[in-house]
């Protein structure tokens, strides 16, 4: 009898390990024609396992890359598909979509070179809503980004707290006074004046210190998850701590700071994204049946999509 039970247990274990992984998500590539950028805006979409047949509407994470990168950065260097598959499979987060736009020089602010903030809200978000089943309430949308993308995520959360449930910023380029000489903000960005030089006034007008007081005056609070490497060569650990202090003074239960060993690098970002994503989805709605709420924004241009390996 004991031998029979042991054999049965071994068979069960073998079946478990032999079973194929059933929670593999899909990556699709999309394009929206952007009037605000004057060019196409490509983006990747992570779809959780079961999306095609569930009929449910899902929360969305908008995940922004850094300066000079593209829509594949988080996929190829951050292993984001594998991480999402694992987090969903272990029920650390609910099934969700990730949208990863590709805009090499975007800081997600409107400036003389482009209108990236308007492109995000007026073209990208409506395009996603029209092509995918997404929850369009505030609780259906979170945002995160690294470096210049972290700058964008912080700005969006402070400027549009009625649209975003939570935000995460990895090594955000949010210099409270002025970017250092090595910063890409001084090379090609919304902060370059007509003379081709960095415009300090434009930087101050767009940066978070101009937004945070108004944010605190309104009633909604956006939970923030902030990360930096302690050896960041751009001094971002200090800048991230400054922002955290401002947030912690007003919303101590909705501000998290992680300072980890590392530089301004993917070693820092890839190692902390699991924890950040888990935090973000604590504040979202779960996938739900039925129609989405009424949408707003510009009607997106039609564009084809295809799955990526």
Protein backbone atom coordinates (compact mmCIF):
# COMPACT_ATOMS: atom_id res chain seq x y z
CA UNK A 1 0.00 0.00 0.00
CA UNK A 2 2.80 2.39 0.94
CA UNK A 3 4.63 1.53 -2.28
CA UNK A 4 1.49 2.29 -4.31
CA UNK A 5 1.09 5.71 -2.66
CA UNK A 6 4.74 6.53 -3.36
CA UNK A 7 4.38 5.56 -7.02
CA UNK A 8 1.25 7.68 -7.36
CA UNK A 9 3.00 10.67 -5.77
CA UNK A 10 5.94 10.33 -8.15
CA UNK A 11 3.58 10.16 -11.14
CA UNK A 12 1.79 13.31 -10.00
CA UNK A 13 5.07 15.18 -9.61
CA UNK A 14 6.28 14.05 -13.01
CA UNK A 15 3.06 15.24 -14.61
CA UNK A 16 3.36 18.61 -12.90
CA UNK A 17 6.89 19.18 -14.15
CA UNK A 18 6.09 17.84 -17.61
CA UNK A 19 3.05 20.10 -18.05
CA UNK A 20 3.61 22.99 -20.48
CA UNK A 21 3.54 26.53 -19.17
CA UNK A 22 -0.01 27.72 -19.76
CA UNK A 23 0.38 31.35 -18.82
CA UNK A 24 2.67 32.61 -21.58
CA UNK A 25 1.68 36.11 -22.65
CA UNK A 26 1.74 37.44 -26.21
CA UNK A 27 3.59 40.48 -27.56
CA UNK A 28 2.07 42.48 -30.41
CA UNK A 29 3.51 45.41 -32.32
CA UNK A 30 1.26 48.34 -33.20
CA UNK A 31 1.64 51.77 -34.79
CA UNK A 32 -0.36 54.95 -34.44
CA UNK A 33 0.10 57.84 -36.86
CA UNK A 34 1.02 60.77 -34.64
CA UNK A 35 0.19 64.27 -35.76
CA UNK A 36 1.73 65.65 -32.57
CA UNK A 37 5.09 63.98 -33.23
CA UNK A 38 5.03 64.35 -36.99
CA UNK A 39 5.85 60.66 -37.40
CA UNK A 40 4.56 57.20 -36.59
CA UNK A 41 4.51 56.21 -32.93
CA UNK A 42 5.18 52.46 -32.61
CA UNK A 43 4.30 50.53 -29.48
CA UNK A 44 4.38 46.98 -28.18
CA UNK A 45 1.49 45.45 -26.25
CA UNK A 46 1.82 42.59 -23.79
CA UNK A 47 -1.38 40.52 -23.68
CA UNK A 48 -1.83 38.07 -20.79
CA UNK A 49 -2.64 34.45 -21.41
CA UNK A 50 -6.37 34.03 -22.03
CA UNK A 51 -6.95 37.57 -23.30
CA UNK A 52 -8.27 36.42 -26.69
CA UNK A 53 -11.08 34.32 -25.25
CA UNK A 54 -11.90 35.88 -21.88
CA UNK A 55 -14.04 38.80 -23.02
CA UNK A 56 -12.77 40.72 -20.00
CA UNK A 57 -11.53 44.31 -19.83
CA UNK A 58 -8.07 44.69 -18.30
CA UNK A 59 -5.99 47.26 -16.41
CA UNK A 60 -3.03 48.68 -18.34
CA UNK A 61 0.53 49.59 -17.41
CA UNK A 62 2.10 52.19 -19.69
CA UNK A 63 5.83 51.45 -19.49
CA UNK A 64 8.22 54.09 -20.85
CA UNK A 65 11.83 53.57 -21.93
CA UNK A 66 14.75 55.95 -21.53
CA UNK A 67 16.32 58.48 -23.89
CA UNK A 68 17.65 56.96 -27.12
CA UNK A 69 15.90 53.62 -26.68
CA UNK A 70 12.87 52.17 -28.42
CA UNK A 71 9.71 50.17 -27.78
CA UNK A 72 11.65 46.90 -27.49
CA UNK A 73 13.89 48.05 -24.63
CA UNK A 74 11.85 46.64 -21.74
CA UNK A 75 11.19 43.45 -23.69
CA UNK A 76 14.79 42.71 -24.65
CA UNK A 77 16.76 44.17 -21.72
CA UNK A 78 14.18 44.07 -18.95
CA UNK A 79 12.73 40.60 -19.77
CA UNK A 80 9.31 42.11 -19.13
CA UNK A 81 7.28 39.34 -20.80
CA UNK A 82 8.78 36.62 -18.59
CA UNK A 83 8.37 38.77 -15.51
CA UNK A 84 4.70 39.48 -16.25
CA UNK A 85 4.02 35.81 -16.99
CA UNK A 86 5.48 34.84 -13.62
CA UNK A 87 3.78 37.60 -11.61
CA UNK A 88 0.40 36.74 -13.11
CA UNK A 89 0.91 32.98 -12.71
CA UNK A 90 1.75 33.38 -9.02
CA UNK A 91 -1.16 35.80 -8.54
CA UNK A 92 1.15 38.56 -7.36
CA UNK A 93 -0.75 40.79 -9.79
CA UNK A 94 -3.98 40.39 -11.75
CA UNK A 95 -3.85 39.67 -15.48
CA UNK A 96 -3.06 42.96 -17.19
CA UNK A 97 -1.81 44.59 -20.37
CA UNK A 98 1.45 46.47 -20.79
CA UNK A 99 1.85 49.14 -23.45
CA UNK A 100 5.44 50.07 -24.34
CA UNK A 101 5.65 53.05 -26.72
CA UNK A 102 8.81 53.72 -28.70
CA UNK A 103 9.94 57.33 -28.92
CA UNK A 104 13.73 57.63 -28.84
CA UNK A 105 13.95 61.32 -27.92
CA UNK A 106 10.68 61.76 -26.03
CA UNK A 107 10.60 63.08 -22.50
CA UNK A 108 6.77 62.97 -22.62
CA UNK A 109 6.42 66.73 -22.34
CA UNK A 110 5.27 69.21 -24.99
CA UNK A 111 8.07 71.39 -26.30
CA UNK A 112 9.50 73.05 -29.35
CA UNK A 113 10.76 69.80 -30.90
CA UNK A 114 7.63 67.72 -30.45
CA UNK A 115 4.36 67.44 -28.54
CA UNK A 116 5.00 64.14 -26.80
CA UNK A 117 2.60 64.69 -23.90
CA UNK A 118 -0.21 65.45 -26.33
CA UNK A 119 0.77 62.42 -28.41
CA UNK A 120 0.56 60.18 -25.35
CA UNK A 121 -2.86 61.32 -24.13
CA UNK A 122 -4.42 62.38 -27.42
CA UNK A 123 -3.22 59.59 -29.69
CA UNK A 124 -1.58 56.64 -27.90
CA UNK A 125 -4.08 56.12 -25.07
CA UNK A 126 -7.14 56.39 -27.37
CA UNK A 127 -5.49 54.02 -29.87
CA UNK A 128 -4.98 51.40 -27.16
CA UNK A 129 -8.56 51.85 -25.94
CA UNK A 130 -9.98 51.42 -29.44
CA UNK A 131 -7.98 48.28 -30.27
CA UNK A 132 -7.92 46.43 -26.94
CA UNK A 133 -10.29 45.70 -24.09
CA UNK A 134 -8.98 48.06 -21.43
CA UNK A 135 -10.48 49.52 -18.28
CA UNK A 136 -10.73 53.25 -18.97
CA UNK A 137 -11.38 54.36 -15.41
CA UNK A 138 -8.58 55.84 -13.31
CA UNK A 139 -8.18 52.47 -11.59
CA UNK A 140 -7.51 50.88 -14.96
CA UNK A 141 -4.32 52.79 -15.71
CA UNK A 142 -0.85 52.90 -14.11
CA UNK A 143 2.36 54.35 -15.51
CA UNK A 144 6.07 53.68 -15.05
CA UNK A 145 9.32 54.58 -16.77
CA UNK A 146 13.09 54.74 -16.51
CA UNK A 147 15.37 57.79 -16.75
CA UNK A 148 13.69 60.17 -19.25
CA UNK A 149 10.69 57.82 -19.14
CA UNK A 150 10.75 58.10 -15.34
CA UNK A 151 10.66 61.86 -15.74
CA UNK A 152 7.58 61.41 -17.91
CA UNK A 153 5.90 59.03 -15.46
CA UNK A 154 6.41 61.45 -12.56
CA UNK A 155 5.04 64.38 -14.59
CA UNK A 156 1.97 62.46 -15.72
CA UNK A 157 1.13 61.30 -12.20
CA UNK A 158 1.43 64.79 -10.72
CA UNK A 159 -0.29 66.57 -13.60
CA UNK A 160 -3.09 64.06 -14.19
CA UNK A 161 -3.86 62.40 -10.85
CA UNK A 162 -7.44 61.88 -12.00
CA UNK A 163 -6.22 59.58 -14.80
CA UNK A 164 -3.56 57.47 -13.09
CA UNK A 165 -3.97 55.04 -10.19
CA UNK A 166 -0.25 54.68 -9.34
CA UNK A 167 3.20 55.48 -10.74
CA UNK A 168 6.71 54.03 -10.63
CA UNK A 169 9.92 55.76 -11.68
CA UNK A 170 13.28 54.03 -12.14
CA UNK A 171 16.27 56.39 -11.90
CA UNK A 172 14.01 59.28 -12.98
CA UNK A 173 15.78 62.22 -14.64
CA UNK A 174 13.96 64.77 -12.46
CA UNK A 175 16.76 67.17 -11.56
CA UNK A 176 15.09 69.71 -9.30
CA UNK A 177 17.27 72.62 -10.43
CA UNK A 178 19.08 71.83 -13.68
CA UNK A 179 20.32 68.70 -15.50
CA UNK A 180 24.04 67.92 -15.21
CA UNK A 181 26.30 68.38 -18.22
CA UNK A 182 26.13 64.67 -19.08
CA UNK A 183 22.31 64.56 -19.14
CA UNK A 184 20.52 63.90 -22.42
CA UNK A 185 18.14 66.72 -21.47
CA UNK A 186 20.84 69.08 -22.71
CA UNK A 187 21.22 67.38 -26.08
CA UNK A 188 17.83 66.77 -27.66
CA UNK A 189 14.66 67.31 -25.73
CA UNK A 190 11.67 69.64 -25.27
CA UNK A 191 14.05 71.86 -23.33
CA UNK A 192 16.14 72.93 -26.32
CA UNK A 193 15.47 76.50 -27.45
CA UNK A 194 15.22 77.90 -30.97
CA UNK A 195 18.96 78.60 -30.85
CA UNK A 196 19.67 74.89 -30.39
CA UNK A 197 20.87 75.34 -26.82
CA UNK A 198 19.48 74.04 -23.55
CA UNK A 199 16.78 76.35 -22.19
CA UNK A 200 16.83 76.50 -18.39
CA UNK A 201 13.49 78.30 -18.23
CA UNK A 202 11.80 75.58 -20.30
CA UNK A 203 13.23 72.95 -17.96
CA UNK A 204 11.90 74.66 -14.86
CA UNK A 205 8.47 75.24 -16.39
CA UNK A 206 8.03 71.55 -17.25
CA UNK A 207 9.69 69.84 -14.28
CA UNK A 208 7.90 68.38 -11.25
CA UNK A 209 8.55 71.23 -8.74
CA UNK A 210 6.16 73.36 -10.83
CA UNK A 211 3.49 70.67 -10.61
CA UNK A 212 3.72 69.26 -7.12
CA UNK A 213 2.10 72.10 -5.15
CA UNK A 214 -0.97 72.04 -7.37
CA UNK A 215 -1.03 68.26 -7.04
CA UNK A 216 -1.13 68.55 -3.25
CA UNK A 217 -3.92 71.14 -3.45
CA UNK A 218 -6.29 68.70 -5.14
CA UNK A 219 -7.84 65.72 -3.42
CA UNK A 220 -6.56 62.64 -5.24
CA UNK A 221 -3.31 60.98 -4.21
CA UNK A 222 -1.22 58.87 -6.57
CA UNK A 223 0.91 56.20 -4.88
CA UNK A 224 4.57 56.48 -6.00
CA UNK A 225 7.26 53.80 -6.16
CA UNK A 226 10.71 55.36 -6.68
CA UNK A 227 13.98 53.51 -7.41
CA UNK A 228 17.58 54.60 -7.94
CA UNK A 229 21.04 53.08 -7.89
CA UNK A 230 23.26 54.49 -5.14
CA UNK A 231 26.16 54.97 -7.58
CA UNK A 232 24.12 56.63 -10.32
CA UNK A 233 26.68 58.74 -12.21
CA UNK A 234 24.04 61.40 -12.93
CA UNK A 235 23.34 62.01 -9.25
CA UNK A 236 19.81 60.67 -9.56
CA UNK A 237 19.78 58.88 -6.19
CA UNK A 238 19.88 62.29 -4.52
CA UNK A 239 17.23 63.74 -6.83
CA UNK A 240 14.94 60.74 -6.31
CA UNK A 241 15.27 61.10 -2.54
CA UNK A 242 14.31 64.78 -2.80
CA UNK A 243 11.10 63.90 -4.61
CA UNK A 244 10.39 61.11 -2.14
CA UNK A 245 10.74 63.54 0.77
CA UNK A 246 8.22 65.93 -0.79
CA UNK A 247 5.77 63.08 -1.33
CA UNK A 248 6.35 61.42 2.03
CA UNK A 249 5.62 64.65 3.91
CA UNK A 250 2.13 64.78 2.37
CA UNK A 251 1.25 61.15 1.67
CA UNK A 252 3.47 58.91 3.83
CA UNK A 253 1.34 55.82 3.24
CA UNK A 254 1.54 56.22 -0.54
CA UNK A 255 5.24 56.73 -1.22
CA UNK A 256 7.96 54.11 -1.48
CA UNK A 257 11.70 54.61 -2.03
CA UNK A 258 14.28 51.97 -2.96
CA UNK A 259 17.97 52.84 -3.21
CA UNK A 260 19.88 49.79 -4.43
CA UNK A 261 23.47 49.03 -5.27
CA UNK A 262 24.20 50.07 -8.85
CA UNK A 263 24.64 52.76 -11.47
CA UNK A 264 22.32 54.25 -14.10
CA UNK A 265 21.88 50.84 -15.70
CA UNK A 266 19.61 47.95 -16.61
CA UNK A 267 21.09 45.96 -13.74
CA UNK A 268 19.19 48.31 -11.41
CA UNK A 269 15.99 48.56 -13.44
CA UNK A 270 15.56 44.89 -14.34
CA UNK A 271 16.23 43.80 -10.75
CA UNK A 272 13.58 46.08 -9.22
CA UNK A 273 10.78 46.02 -11.80
CA UNK A 274 9.05 42.95 -10.30
CA UNK A 275 8.61 44.66 -6.95
CA UNK A 276 7.53 47.90 -8.60
CA UNK A 277 4.91 46.23 -10.79
CA UNK A 278 3.54 44.31 -7.81
CA UNK A 279 3.20 47.62 -5.97
CA UNK A 280 1.48 49.37 -8.89
CA UNK A 281 -1.19 46.73 -9.32
CA UNK A 282 -2.18 46.93 -5.67
CA UNK A 283 -4.07 50.06 -6.72
CA UNK A 284 -5.75 48.93 -9.94
CA UNK A 285 -9.09 47.33 -10.61
CA UNK A 286 -9.15 43.66 -11.53
CA UNK A 287 -10.18 42.46 -15.00
CA UNK A 288 -13.93 42.79 -15.37
CA UNK A 289 -16.67 41.95 -17.89
CA UNK A 290 -18.86 44.48 -19.63
CA UNK A 291 -18.38 47.70 -21.52
CA UNK A 292 -15.64 50.19 -20.72
CA UNK A 293 -16.46 53.67 -19.56
CA UNK A 294 -16.90 56.44 -22.11
CA UNK A 295 -13.61 57.40 -23.72
CA UNK A 296 -12.17 60.79 -24.52
CA UNK A 297 -9.36 62.08 -26.70
CA UNK A 298 -8.62 62.10 -30.41
CA UNK A 299 -9.80 59.25 -32.58
CA UNK A 300 -6.74 57.16 -33.48
CA UNK A 301 -5.69 56.36 -37.03
CA UNK A 302 -6.22 52.78 -38.17
CA UNK A 303 -3.06 50.71 -38.26
CA UNK A 304 -2.25 47.05 -38.53
CA UNK A 305 -0.80 44.93 -35.77
CA UNK A 306 1.00 41.63 -35.66
CA UNK A 307 2.26 39.27 -33.02
CA UNK A 308 5.96 39.09 -32.22
CA UNK A 309 7.85 35.95 -31.22
